Amino acid sequence: MISHAGKWRHLALAVALSLSCLALFVSCRNKAADALKALRARADQGDPASQNILGLMYGKGSGVPQDYAEAARWFRKAADQGLAKAQYDLGVMYYHGEGVTQDYAEAARWFRRAADQGDPASQNILGLMYGKGSGVLQDYAEAARWLRRAADQGNAHAQFHLGFMYAEGHGVPQDYAEEARWYRRAADQGDAKAQDNLGLMYYTGQGATQDYAEAARWYRRAADQGDAGAQDSLGLMYLNGEGVTQDYVQSHMWTNLAASRASGDDQKKYADDRESVAKKMTPQQVAEAQRLAREWKPKTR
């Protein structure tokens, strides 16, 4: 039991700790204010990296009030000096119409300036714009060219999209083996859609040797990240015992998760799959599957 004097000592320690935390908070705020002042000074002097950072801060509302127009203004200052990252960021603003009037052609112009400098993110989105005809004339060959430049630099999004170009034969000869090769490169970096598509290729044997165990492995990697399509596919593999040991509880859990994350026609299909599994289960098994679904957490790639 704490004595009267001991209580006062504890209170004094608590007050001292609180004052220390308050002093630290004030000190941190002062340091942040000083850092922002120094950053703004460098930006005002024309430093493009500082201008771009300031643009990012205004775009996210980090340390300053969120202001897309101000973000675009600083991005433009840096972009006009040739900073590829700022050119990409300004392109994004035009693409989404944040802080500027939405203009796909202007977005493409800035993405191209960054892409010409080798920026893979800009090369990827420029490739997608050529594929869709957004802001530029649709040109699958040009789309594939830009996607390949980004993919060769290791951009996972571009690798996935280039794989899809090979699947459809858009701008490149249709080639399922090449499709699988690019999906694998993206999947190895954690791209969930590439993992899901690669799982399907192993399941069907198109572009890869049919292998249910390998299909289930890739579906699981995508499912663990929360990809609803992969979750449903994995659930059906557990239902049928394909590549995994048949397990109705796991099947219900995965199809249930898929249904909870999807919408529209996909949601209806996944819910139907879940109910098909439930018909084969005892109430206790359904309860266990529901518990597992409630406790499930997505894994980061």
C-alpha atoms as a PDB file:
ATOM      1  CA  MET A   1       0.000   0.000   0.000  1.00  0.00           C
ATOM      2  CA  ILE A   2       1.329   3.452  -0.974  1.00  0.00           C
ATOM      3  CA  SER A   3       1.884   5.907   1.894  1.00  0.00           C
ATOM      4  CA  HIS A   4       0.567   9.482   1.860  1.00  0.00           C
ATOM      5  CA  ALA A   5       4.071  10.750   1.086  1.00  0.00           C
ATOM      6  CA  GLY A   6       4.438   8.061  -1.569  1.00  0.00           C
ATOM      7  CA  LYS A   7       1.231   9.201  -3.272  1.00  0.00           C
ATOM      8  CA  TRP A   8       2.592  12.728  -3.512  1.00  0.00           C
ATOM      9  CA  ARG A   9       5.841  11.432  -4.964  1.00  0.00           C
ATOM     10  CA  HIS A  10       3.888   9.482  -7.593  1.00  0.00           C
ATOM     11  CA  LEU A  11       1.804  12.568  -8.362  1.00  0.00           C
ATOM     12  CA  ALA A  12       4.920  14.718  -8.667  1.00  0.00           C
ATOM     13  CA  LEU A  13       6.476  12.174 -11.033  1.00  0.00           C
ATOM     14  CA  ALA A  14       3.287  12.098 -13.114  1.00  0.00           C
ATOM     15  CA  VAL A  15       3.195  15.904 -13.332  1.00  0.00           C
ATOM     16  CA  ALA A  16       6.883  16.015 -14.245  1.00  0.00           C
ATOM     17  CA  LEU A  17       6.329  13.397 -16.943  1.00  0.00           C
ATOM     18  CA  SER A  18       3.324  15.283 -18.331  1.00  0.00           C
ATOM     19  CA  LEU A  19       5.308  18.532 -18.423  1.00  0.00           C
ATOM     20  CA  SER A  20       8.160  16.725 -20.143  1.00  0.00           C
ATOM     21  CA  CYS A  21       5.782  15.319 -22.790  1.00  0.00           C
ATOM     22  CA  LEU A  22       4.226  18.770 -23.259  1.00  0.00           C
ATOM     23  CA  ALA A  23       7.660  20.317 -23.682  1.00  0.00           C
ATOM     24  CA  LEU A  24       8.577  17.635 -26.195  1.00  0.00           C
ATOM     25  CA  PHE A  25       5.325  18.254 -28.107  1.00  0.00           C
ATOM     26  CA  VAL A  26       5.950  22.003 -28.218  1.00  0.00           C
ATOM     27  CA  SER A  27       9.561  21.385 -29.213  1.00  0.00           C
ATOM     28  CA  CYS A  28       8.472  19.062 -32.042  1.00  0.00           C
ATOM     29  CA  ARG A  29       5.906  21.592 -33.261  1.00  0.00           C
ATOM     30  CA  ASN A  30       8.528  24.313 -33.239  1.00  0.00           C
ATOM     31  CA  LYS A  31      10.981  22.120 -35.114  1.00  0.00           C
ATOM     32  CA  ALA A  32       8.305  21.223 -37.677  1.00  0.00           C
ATOM     33  CA  ALA A  33       7.483  24.901 -38.167  1.00  0.00           C
ATOM     34  CA  ASP A  34      11.181  25.710 -38.600  1.00  0.00           C
ATOM     35  CA  ALA A  35      11.574  22.854 -41.105  1.00  0.00           C
ATOM     36  CA  LEU A  36       8.570  24.050 -43.117  1.00  0.00           C
ATOM     37  CA  LYS A  37       9.914  27.602 -43.119  1.00  0.00           C
ATOM     38  CA  ALA A  38      13.293  26.381 -44.390  1.00  0.00           C
ATOM     39  CA  LEU A  39      11.630  24.194 -47.026  1.00  0.00           C
ATOM     40  CA  ARG A  40       9.502  27.077 -48.266  1.00  0.00           C
ATOM     41  CA  ALA A  41      12.564  29.324 -48.416  1.00  0.00           C
ATOM     42  CA  ARG A  42      14.402  26.802 -50.615  1.00  0.00           C
ATOM     43  CA  ALA A  43      11.306  26.430 -52.797  1.00  0.00           C
ATOM     44  CA  ASP A  44      11.005  30.205 -53.164  1.00  0.00           C
ATOM     45  CA  GLN A  45      14.660  30.292 -54.218  1.00  0.00           C
ATOM     46  CA  GLY A  46      13.833  27.877 -57.045  1.00  0.00           C
ATOM     47  CA  ASP A  47      14.973  24.503 -55.716  1.00  0.00           C
ATOM     48  CA  PRO A  48      12.835  22.004 -57.688  1.00  0.00           C
ATOM     49  CA  ALA A  49      13.062  19.173 -55.150  1.00  0.00           C
ATOM     50  CA  SER A  50      11.792  21.491 -52.396  1.00  0.00           C
ATOM     51  CA  GLN A  51       9.042  22.779 -54.685  1.00  0.00           C
ATOM     52  CA  ASN A  52       7.899  19.230 -55.385  1.00  0.00           C
ATOM     53  CA  ILE A  53       7.933  18.277 -51.697  1.00  0.00           C
ATOM     54  CA  LEU A  54       5.883  21.372 -50.907  1.00  0.00           C
ATOM     55  CA  GLY A  55       3.436  20.353 -53.630  1.00  0.00           C
ATOM     56  CA  LEU A  56       3.099  16.912 -52.089  1.00  0.00           C
ATOM     57  CA  MET A  57       2.468  18.433 -48.664  1.00  0.00           C
ATOM     58  CA  TYR A  58      -0.335  20.641 -50.012  1.00  0.00           C
ATOM     59  CA  GLY A  59      -1.789  17.727 -51.947  1.00  0.00           C
ATOM     60  CA  LYS A  60      -1.948  15.516 -48.857  1.00  0.00           C
ATOM     61  CA  GLY A  61      -2.593  18.224 -46.276  1.00  0.00           C
ATOM     62  CA  SER A  62       0.553  17.172 -44.447  1.00  0.00           C
ATOM     63  CA  GLY A  63       1.830  19.969 -42.207  1.00  0.00           C
ATOM     64  CA  VAL A  64      -0.172  22.535 -44.194  1.00  0.00           C
ATOM     65  CA  PRO A  65      -3.872  22.905 -45.041  1.00  0.00           C
ATOM     66  CA  GLN A  66      -4.814  20.673 -47.965  1.00  0.00           C
ATOM     67  CA  ASP A  67      -4.969  22.815 -51.099  1.00  0.00           C
ATOM     68  CA  TYR A  68      -4.906  21.112 -54.509  1.00  0.00           C
ATOM     69  CA  ALA A  69      -4.522  24.391 -56.404  1.00  0.00           C
ATOM     70  CA  GLU A  70      -1.460  25.270 -54.328  1.00  0.00           C
ATOM     71  CA  ALA A  71      -0.127  21.756 -54.810  1.00  0.00           C
ATOM     72  CA  ALA A  72      -0.474  22.081 -58.581  1.00  0.00           C
ATOM     73  CA  ARG A  73       1.223  25.501 -58.491  1.00  0.00           C
ATOM     74  CA  TRP A  74       4.300  24.095 -56.777  1.00  0.00           C
ATOM     75  CA  PHE A  75       4.364  20.970 -58.933  1.00  0.00           C
ATOM     76  CA  ARG A  76       4.331  23.198 -62.027  1.00  0.00           C
ATOM     77  CA  LYS A  77       7.270  25.275 -60.780  1.00  0.00           C
ATOM     78  CA  ALA A  78       9.345  22.109 -60.323  1.00  0.00           C
ATOM     79  CA  ALA A  79       8.036  20.464 -63.505  1.00  0.00           C
ATOM     80  CA  ASP A  80       8.946  23.501 -65.597  1.00  0.00           C
ATOM     81  CA  GLN A  81      12.518  23.020 -64.397  1.00  0.00           C
ATOM     82  CA  GLY A  82      12.512  19.449 -65.676  1.00  0.00           C
ATOM     83  CA  LEU A  83      12.032  17.472 -62.452  1.00  0.00           C
ATOM     84  CA  ALA A  84      10.517  14.181 -63.640  1.00  0.00           C
ATOM     85  CA  LYS A  85       8.782  13.406 -60.341  1.00  0.00           C
ATOM     86  CA  ALA A  86       7.030  16.788 -60.409  1.00  0.00           C
ATOM     87  CA  GLN A  87       6.046  16.289 -64.047  1.00  0.00           C
ATOM     88  CA  TYR A  88       4.445  12.994 -63.061  1.00  0.00           C
ATOM     89  CA  ASP A  89       2.702  14.579 -60.060  1.00  0.00           C
ATOM     90  CA  LEU A  90       1.372  17.439 -62.195  1.00  0.00           C
ATOM     91  CA  GLY A  91       0.170  14.904 -64.765  1.00  0.00           C
ATOM     92  CA  VAL A  92      -1.763  13.133 -62.009  1.00  0.00           C
ATOM     93  CA  MET A  93      -3.415  16.425 -61.029  1.00  0.00           C
ATOM     94  CA  TYR A  94      -4.561  16.973 -64.617  1.00  0.00           C
ATOM     95  CA  TYR A  95      -5.673  13.363 -64.924  1.00  0.00           C
ATOM     96  CA  HIS A  96      -7.933  13.586 -61.862  1.00  0.00           C
ATOM     97  CA  GLY A  97      -8.845  17.267 -62.154  1.00  0.00           C
ATOM     98  CA  GLU A  98      -7.431  18.159 -58.737  1.00  0.00           C
ATOM     99  CA  GLY A  99      -6.363  21.807 -58.423  1.00  0.00           C
ATOM    100  CA  VAL A 100      -6.657  22.198 -62.204  1.00  0.00           C
ATOM    101  CA  THR A 101      -9.335  21.595 -64.804  1.00  0.00           C
ATOM    102  CA  GLN A 102      -9.365  17.911 -65.742  1.00  0.00           C
ATOM    103  CA  ASP A 103      -7.538  17.546 -69.043  1.00  0.00           C
ATOM    104  CA  TYR A 104      -6.334  14.142 -70.252  1.00  0.00           C
ATOM    105  CA  ALA A 105      -4.339  15.651 -73.115  1.00  0.00           C
ATOM    106  CA  GLU A 106      -2.454  17.919 -70.692  1.00  0.00           C
ATOM    107  CA  ALA A 107      -1.963  14.972 -68.341  1.00  0.00           C
ATOM    108  CA  ALA A 108      -0.488  12.934 -71.193  1.00  0.00           C
ATOM    109  CA  ARG A 109       1.808  15.821 -72.111  1.00  0.00           C
ATOM    110  CA  TRP A 110       3.303  15.955 -68.630  1.00  0.00           C
ATOM    111  CA  PHE A 111       3.495  12.175 -68.316  1.00  0.00           C
ATOM    112  CA  ARG A 112       5.384  12.071 -71.618  1.00  0.00           C
ATOM    113  CA  ARG A 113       7.905  14.650 -70.432  1.00  0.00           C
ATOM    114  CA  ALA A 114       8.616  12.534 -67.356  1.00  0.00           C
ATOM    115  CA  ALA A 115       8.498   9.276 -69.331  1.00  0.00           C
ATOM    116  CA  ASP A 116      11.076  10.610 -71.792  1.00  0.00           C
ATOM    117  CA  GLN A 117      13.380  11.038 -68.803  1.00  0.00           C
ATOM    118  CA  GLY A 118      12.890   7.390 -67.873  1.00  0.00           C
ATOM    119  CA  ASP A 119      10.327   7.706 -65.072  1.00  0.00           C
ATOM    120  CA  PRO A 120       8.685   4.250 -64.926  1.00  0.00           C
ATOM    121  CA  ALA A 121       5.458   5.384 -63.243  1.00  0.00           C
ATOM    122  CA  SER A 122       4.906   7.909 -66.034  1.00  0.00           C
ATOM    123  CA  GLN A 123       5.781   5.348 -68.686  1.00  0.00           C
ATOM    124  CA  ASN A 124       3.229   2.958 -67.215  1.00  0.00           C
ATOM    125  CA  ILE A 125       0.360   5.440 -67.097  1.00  0.00           C
ATOM    126  CA  LEU A 126       1.228   6.807 -70.546  1.00  0.00           C
ATOM    127  CA  GLY A 127       1.054   3.256 -71.864  1.00  0.00           C
ATOM    128  CA  LEU A 128      -2.377   2.835 -70.292  1.00  0.00           C
ATOM    129  CA  MET A 129      -3.557   6.107 -71.837  1.00  0.00           C
ATOM    130  CA  TYR A 130      -2.477   4.923 -75.296  1.00  0.00           C
ATOM    131  CA  GLY A 131      -4.266   1.648 -74.659  1.00  0.00           C
ATOM    132  CA  LYS A 132      -7.514   3.440 -73.768  1.00  0.00           C
ATOM    133  CA  GLY A 133      -7.183   6.434 -76.079  1.00  0.00           C
ATOM    134  CA  SER A 134      -7.352   8.859 -73.133  1.00  0.00           C
ATOM    135  CA  GLY A 135      -5.843  12.222 -74.070  1.00  0.00           C
ATOM    136  CA  VAL A 136      -4.037  10.605 -77.015  1.00  0.00           C
ATOM    137  CA  LEU A 137      -5.082   8.634 -80.079  1.00  0.00           C
ATOM    138  CA  GLN A 138      -5.540   4.973 -79.189  1.00  0.00           C
ATOM    139  CA  ASP A 139      -2.461   3.059 -80.291  1.00  0.00           C
ATOM    140  CA  TYR A 140      -1.848  -0.423 -78.880  1.00  0.00           C
ATOM    141  CA  ALA A 141       1.680  -0.637 -80.298  1.00  0.00           C
ATOM    142  CA  GLU A 142       2.613   2.635 -78.601  1.00  0.00           C
ATOM    143  CA  ALA A 143       0.914   1.433 -75.414  1.00  0.00           C
ATOM    144  CA  ALA A 144       2.974  -1.766 -75.425  1.00  0.00           C
ATOM    145  CA  ARG A 145       6.156   0.207 -76.112  1.00  0.00           C
ATOM    146  CA  TRP A 146       5.726   2.437 -73.083  1.00  0.00           C
ATOM    147  CA  LEU A 147       4.583  -0.414 -70.856  1.00  0.00           C
ATOM    148  CA  ARG A 148       7.645  -2.432 -71.833  1.00  0.00           C
ATOM    149  CA  ARG A 149       9.972   0.450 -70.992  1.00  0.00           C
ATOM    150  CA  ALA A 150       8.453   0.647 -67.512  1.00  0.00           C
ATOM    151  CA  ALA A 151       8.253  -3.132 -67.110  1.00  0.00           C
ATOM    152  CA  ASP A 152      11.935  -3.524 -67.998  1.00  0.00           C
ATOM    153  CA  GLN A 153      12.706  -1.171 -65.104  1.00  0.00           C
ATOM    154  CA  GLY A 154      10.790  -3.420 -62.719  1.00  0.00           C
ATOM    155  CA  ASN A 155       7.500  -1.517 -62.456  1.00  0.00           C
ATOM    156  CA  ALA A 156       5.051  -4.206 -61.296  1.00  0.00           C
ATOM    157  CA  HIS A 157       1.958  -2.399 -62.611  1.00  0.00           C
ATOM    158  CA  ALA A 158       3.504  -2.157 -66.066  1.00  0.00           C
ATOM    159  CA  GLN A 159       4.539  -5.810 -65.959  1.00  0.00           C
ATOM    160  CA  PHE A 160       0.958  -6.799 -65.180  1.00  0.00           C
ATOM    161  CA  HIS A 161      -0.468  -4.602 -67.929  1.00  0.00           C
ATOM    162  CA  LEU A 162       2.088  -5.835 -70.461  1.00  0.00           C
ATOM    163  CA  GLY A 163       1.099  -9.393 -69.585  1.00  0.00           C
ATOM    164  CA  PHE A 164      -2.510  -8.455 -70.320  1.00  0.00           C
ATOM    165  CA  MET A 165      -1.454  -7.002 -73.700  1.00  0.00           C
ATOM    166  CA  TYR A 166       0.069 -10.386 -74.582  1.00  0.00           C
ATOM    167  CA  ALA A 167      -3.125 -12.113 -73.433  1.00  0.00           C
ATOM    168  CA  GLU A 168      -5.255  -9.984 -75.757  1.00  0.00           C
ATOM    169  CA  GLY A 169      -2.758  -9.596 -78.573  1.00  0.00           C
ATOM    170  CA  HIS A 170      -2.946  -5.818 -78.333  1.00  0.00           C
ATOM    171  CA  GLY A 171       0.136  -4.143 -79.819  1.00  0.00           C
ATOM    172  CA  VAL A 172       2.051  -7.429 -79.559  1.00  0.00           C
ATOM    173  CA  PRO A 173       1.464 -10.919 -80.943  1.00  0.00           C
ATOM    174  CA  GLN A 174      -0.866 -12.935 -78.709  1.00  0.00           C
ATOM    175  CA  ASP A 175       1.408 -15.140 -76.635  1.00  0.00           C
ATOM    176  CA  TYR A 176       0.144 -16.880 -73.490  1.00  0.00           C
ATOM    177  CA  ALA A 177       3.609 -18.010 -72.389  1.00  0.00           C
ATOM    178  CA  GLU A 178       4.810 -14.403 -72.572  1.00  0.00           C
ATOM    179  CA  GLU A 179       1.668 -13.338 -70.722  1.00  0.00           C
ATOM    180  CA  ALA A 180       2.516 -15.751 -67.909  1.00  0.00           C
ATOM    181  CA  ARG A 181       6.138 -14.581 -67.834  1.00  0.00           C
ATOM    182  CA  TRP A 182       5.156 -10.952 -67.242  1.00  0.00           C
ATOM    183  CA  TYR A 183       2.469 -11.869 -64.740  1.00  0.00           C
ATOM    184  CA  ARG A 184       5.046 -13.853 -62.797  1.00  0.00           C
ATOM    185  CA  ARG A 185       7.444 -10.905 -62.681  1.00  0.00           C
ATOM    186  CA  ALA A 186       4.680  -8.703 -61.286  1.00  0.00           C
ATOM    187  CA  ALA A 187       3.367 -11.445 -59.002  1.00  0.00           C
ATOM    188  CA  ASP A 188       6.825 -11.977 -57.507  1.00  0.00           C
ATOM    189  CA  GLN A 189       6.715  -8.315 -56.474  1.00  0.00           C
ATOM    190  CA  GLY A 190       3.370  -8.813 -54.740  1.00  0.00           C
ATOM    191  CA  ASP A 191       0.916  -7.549 -57.378  1.00  0.00           C
ATOM    192  CA  ALA A 192      -2.369  -9.207 -56.361  1.00  0.00           C
ATOM    193  CA  LYS A 193      -4.048  -9.053 -59.767  1.00  0.00           C
ATOM    194  CA  ALA A 194      -1.019 -10.646 -61.401  1.00  0.00           C
ATOM    195  CA  GLN A 195      -1.037 -13.366 -58.737  1.00  0.00           C
ATOM    196  CA  ASP A 196      -4.737 -14.005 -59.361  1.00  0.00           C
ATOM    197  CA  ASN A 197      -4.278 -14.174 -63.150  1.00  0.00           C
ATOM    198  CA  LEU A 198      -1.238 -16.422 -62.797  1.00  0.00           C
ATOM    199  CA  GLY A 199      -3.269 -18.717 -60.566  1.00  0.00           C
ATOM    200  CA  LEU A 200      -5.904 -18.954 -63.297  1.00  0.00           C
ATOM    201  CA  MET A 201      -3.263 -19.800 -65.910  1.00  0.00           C
ATOM    202  CA  TYR A 202      -1.948 -22.658 -63.784  1.00  0.00           C
ATOM    203  CA  TYR A 203      -5.516 -23.792 -63.152  1.00  0.00           C
ATOM    204  CA  THR A 204      -6.489 -23.890 -66.834  1.00  0.00           C
ATOM    205  CA  GLY A 205      -3.088 -24.848 -68.215  1.00  0.00           C
ATOM    206  CA  GLN A 206      -3.112 -21.917 -70.625  1.00  0.00           C
ATOM    207  CA  GLY A 207       0.365 -20.441 -70.951  1.00  0.00           C
ATOM    208  CA  ALA A 208       1.644 -22.673 -68.158  1.00  0.00           C
ATOM    209  CA  THR A 209       1.658 -26.374 -67.368  1.00  0.00           C
ATOM    210  CA  GLN A 210      -1.584 -27.199 -65.561  1.00  0.00           C
ATOM    211  CA  ASP A 211      -0.810 -27.494 -61.880  1.00  0.00           C
ATOM    212  CA  TYR A 212      -3.595 -27.190 -59.296  1.00  0.00           C
ATOM    213  CA  ALA A 213      -1.206 -26.919 -56.366  1.00  0.00           C
ATOM    214  CA  GLU A 214       0.623 -24.039 -58.038  1.00  0.00           C
ATOM    215  CA  ALA A 215      -2.705 -22.422 -58.929  1.00  0.00           C
ATOM    216  CA  ALA A 216      -3.800 -22.633 -55.293  1.00  0.00           C
ATOM    217  CA  ARG A 217      -0.470 -21.165 -54.141  1.00  0.00           C
ATOM    218  CA  TRP A 218      -0.852 -18.075 -56.320  1.00  0.00           C
ATOM    219  CA  TYR A 219      -4.546 -17.698 -55.537  1.00  0.00           C
ATOM    220  CA  ARG A 220      -3.664 -17.754 -51.840  1.00  0.00           C
ATOM    221  CA  ARG A 221      -1.044 -15.035 -52.201  1.00  0.00           C
ATOM    222  CA  ALA A 222      -3.607 -12.786 -53.889  1.00  0.00           C
ATOM    223  CA  ALA A 223      -6.391 -13.850 -51.505  1.00  0.00           C
ATOM    224  CA  ASP A 224      -4.225 -13.033 -48.504  1.00  0.00           C
ATOM    225  CA  GLN A 225      -4.028  -9.454 -49.799  1.00  0.00           C
ATOM    226  CA  GLY A 226      -7.810  -9.234 -50.097  1.00  0.00           C
ATOM    227  CA  ASP A 227      -8.361  -9.869 -53.807  1.00  0.00           C
ATOM    228  CA  ALA A 228     -12.002 -11.005 -53.924  1.00  0.00           C
ATOM    229  CA  GLY A 229     -11.690 -12.965 -57.176  1.00  0.00           C
ATOM    230  CA  ALA A 230      -8.737 -14.931 -55.853  1.00  0.00           C
ATOM    231  CA  GLN A 231     -10.532 -15.547 -52.560  1.00  0.00           C
ATOM    232  CA  ASP A 232     -13.507 -17.069 -54.379  1.00  0.00           C
ATOM    233  CA  SER A 233     -11.275 -19.176 -56.642  1.00  0.00           C
ATOM    234  CA  LEU A 234      -9.329 -20.460 -53.645  1.00  0.00           C
ATOM    235  CA  GLY A 235     -12.580 -21.224 -51.852  1.00  0.00           C
ATOM    236  CA  LEU A 236     -13.768 -23.320 -54.806  1.00  0.00           C
ATOM    237  CA  MET A 237     -10.473 -25.213 -54.845  1.00  0.00           C
ATOM    238  CA  TYR A 238     -11.029 -26.090 -51.172  1.00  0.00           C
ATOM    239  CA  LEU A 239     -14.578 -27.132 -52.045  1.00  0.00           C
ATOM    240  CA  ASN A 240     -13.390 -29.545 -54.730  1.00  0.00           C
ATOM    241  CA  GLY A 241     -10.080 -30.570 -53.165  1.00  0.00           C
ATOM    242  CA  GLU A 242      -8.080 -29.292 -56.153  1.00  0.00           C
ATOM    243  CA  GLY A 243      -4.446 -28.593 -55.274  1.00  0.00           C
ATOM    244  CA  VAL A 244      -5.397 -28.517 -51.594  1.00  0.00           C
ATOM    245  CA  THR A 245      -7.003 -30.925 -49.144  1.00  0.00           C
ATOM    246  CA  GLN A 246     -10.791 -30.672 -49.367  1.00  0.00           C
ATOM    247  CA  ASP A 247     -11.989 -28.462 -46.530  1.00  0.00           C
ATOM    248  CA  TYR A 248     -15.519 -27.054 -46.401  1.00  0.00           C
ATOM    249  CA  VAL A 249     -14.709 -24.682 -43.533  1.00  0.00           C
ATOM    250  CA  GLN A 250     -11.864 -23.077 -45.499  1.00  0.00           C
ATOM    251  CA  SER A 251     -14.030 -23.036 -48.612  1.00  0.00           C
ATOM    252  CA  HIS A 252     -16.849 -21.206 -46.838  1.00  0.00           C
ATOM    253  CA  MET A 253     -14.452 -18.768 -45.183  1.00  0.00           C
ATOM    254  CA  TRP A 254     -12.838 -17.736 -48.482  1.00  0.00           C
ATOM    255  CA  THR A 255     -16.045 -17.496 -50.507  1.00  0.00           C
ATOM    256  CA  ASN A 256     -17.639 -15.550 -47.658  1.00  0.00           C
ATOM    257  CA  LEU A 257     -14.738 -13.105 -47.612  1.00  0.00           C
ATOM    258  CA  ALA A 258     -15.007 -12.755 -51.400  1.00  0.00           C
ATOM    259  CA  ALA A 259     -18.725 -11.986 -51.202  1.00  0.00           C
ATOM    260  CA  SER A 260     -18.166  -9.396 -48.467  1.00  0.00           C
ATOM    261  CA  ARG A 261     -15.563  -7.527 -50.537  1.00  0.00           C
ATOM    262  CA  ALA A 262     -17.254  -7.572 -53.959  1.00  0.00           C
ATOM    263  CA  SER A 263     -20.206  -5.750 -55.501  1.00  0.00           C
ATOM    264  CA  GLY A 264     -22.675  -6.172 -58.346  1.00  0.00           C
ATOM    265  CA  ASP A 265     -22.664  -9.407 -60.335  1.00  0.00           C
ATOM    266  CA  ASP A 266     -19.417 -10.561 -58.736  1.00  0.00           C
ATOM    267  CA  GLN A 267     -20.901 -10.230 -55.266  1.00  0.00           C
ATOM    268  CA  LYS A 268     -23.917 -12.323 -56.297  1.00  0.00           C
ATOM    269  CA  LYS A 269     -21.717 -15.054 -57.798  1.00  0.00           C
ATOM    270  CA  TYR A 270     -19.481 -15.249 -54.744  1.00  0.00           C
ATOM    271  CA  ALA A 271     -22.493 -15.308 -52.408  1.00  0.00           C
ATOM    272  CA  ASP A 272     -23.998 -18.153 -54.475  1.00  0.00           C
ATOM    273  CA  ASP A 273     -20.700 -20.052 -54.191  1.00  0.00           C
ATOM    274  CA  ARG A 274     -20.735 -19.549 -50.421  1.00  0.00           C
ATOM    275  CA  GLU A 275     -24.286 -20.846 -50.133  1.00  0.00           C
ATOM    276  CA  SER A 276     -23.428 -23.897 -52.260  1.00  0.00           C
ATOM    277  CA  VAL A 277     -20.671 -24.738 -49.780  1.00  0.00           C
ATOM    278  CA  ALA A 278     -22.930 -24.075 -46.780  1.00  0.00           C
ATOM    279  CA  LYS A 279     -25.382 -26.740 -47.972  1.00  0.00           C
ATOM    280  CA  LYS A 280     -22.678 -29.359 -47.453  1.00  0.00           C
ATOM    281  CA  MET A 281     -21.788 -28.216 -43.932  1.00  0.00           C
ATOM    282  CA  THR A 282     -23.039 -28.707 -40.408  1.00  0.00           C
ATOM    283  CA  PRO A 283     -24.161 -25.638 -38.433  1.00  0.00           C
ATOM    284  CA  GLN A 284     -21.033 -25.997 -36.304  1.00  0.00           C
ATOM    285  CA  GLN A 285     -18.808 -25.915 -39.391  1.00  0.00           C
ATOM    286  CA  VAL A 286     -20.597 -22.843 -40.736  1.00  0.00           C
ATOM    287  CA  ALA A 287     -20.147 -21.096 -37.381  1.00  0.00           C
ATOM    288  CA  GLU A 288     -16.439 -21.917 -37.379  1.00  0.00           C
ATOM    289  CA  ALA A 289     -16.038 -20.640 -40.947  1.00  0.00           C
ATOM    290  CA  GLN A 290     -17.834 -17.418 -40.039  1.00  0.00           C
ATOM    291  CA  ARG A 291     -15.573 -16.964 -37.019  1.00  0.00           C
ATOM    292  CA  LEU A 292     -12.477 -17.394 -39.196  1.00  0.00           C
ATOM    293  CA  ALA A 293     -13.826 -14.872 -41.699  1.00  0.00           C
ATOM    294  CA  ARG A 294     -14.475 -12.323 -38.940  1.00  0.00           C
ATOM    295  CA  GLU A 295     -10.965 -12.724 -37.584  1.00  0.00           C
ATOM    296  CA  TRP A 296      -9.244 -12.654 -40.977  1.00  0.00           C
ATOM    297  CA  LYS A 297      -6.915  -9.739 -41.665  1.00  0.00           C
ATOM    298  CA  PRO A 298      -5.310  -8.940 -45.025  1.00  0.00           C
ATOM    299  CA  LYS A 299      -1.572  -9.373 -45.313  1.00  0.00           C
ATOM    300  CA  THR A 300       0.619  -6.706 -46.847  1.00  0.00           C
ATOM    301  CA  ARG A 301       2.572  -7.779 -49.855  1.00  0.00           C
END
